[in-house]
């Protein structure tokens, strides 16, 4: 079975805005979100809703689909920086990998599924790529969810160099037999202040297409919540104007789990029908 606490095996946050400021903002939002009268499970699904065009992964997850269809064990590695580690969440169990583990456990209560958090706060893509051999491959992942690009945007990195590192990492993961989902930038004021985010978004889309991996459109999803749904920026992003909150991490995990389950069903149907 899934052990949700397994999902918080990361290192400490090393760069960027202070964790204390982020945690204070997240705690205030968490109190409002979890207080009596706040949205419960059904209401939060409505709060998290988004268009299918935003949540579609674009490419199937064949290894993940086969493992789920056969009832085999499934190992998911959440790879990335602070928004994978869980900076902004009031508790470790409110990070998106922990919430993803809980949601998958609810869907497959008898399955042996692990969600391992390999997030390192403040990390650039080159550093993450170098960690794949030592901190990811050994876990023998069936699926790797790689959140990438935000810190590089905040430091005005060259998107072409970033994409070269992403492609090198994808090659390693494919050689290890893992499905890959790239997760793009968060829609947050600190990111929007850097015009380079547009080139990074385009680069991630093109890289996903050229390497045949899935892309989870976090940027478009978060923008959709603010423009078309009932989530204000102040509820979605912490006081540091960058990191997500308990509420938005929960919504992220809900949409990501839904996308994984929907796309693995599609892949299973394709395999069954030849």
Foldseek 3Di string as FASTA:
>chain_A
DEDLVQAQPEDEADDDDDLVQLLVQQVVLVCQQPPPPHDDDVVLCQLLDDDPVQLAQPFFQQLVLVCVVVLAEAEEEEFEADLLNPRNENDSCLRLLSLLSVVVCVVVVPGNYYYHGHYHHLDALLVRLVCCVPPPLVVLHQEYEYEHDQSCLLVVHDLVVSLVSVLSSVVVCVVSNHAYEYEYFAQWPSNVVRVCSVVNVVSVVVSCVVSVHTYNDNHVSNVCSCPPGPDPNSSAGGPSRGHGHSSNSNSVSVSNSVNNVVSSVVSVVVVVVD
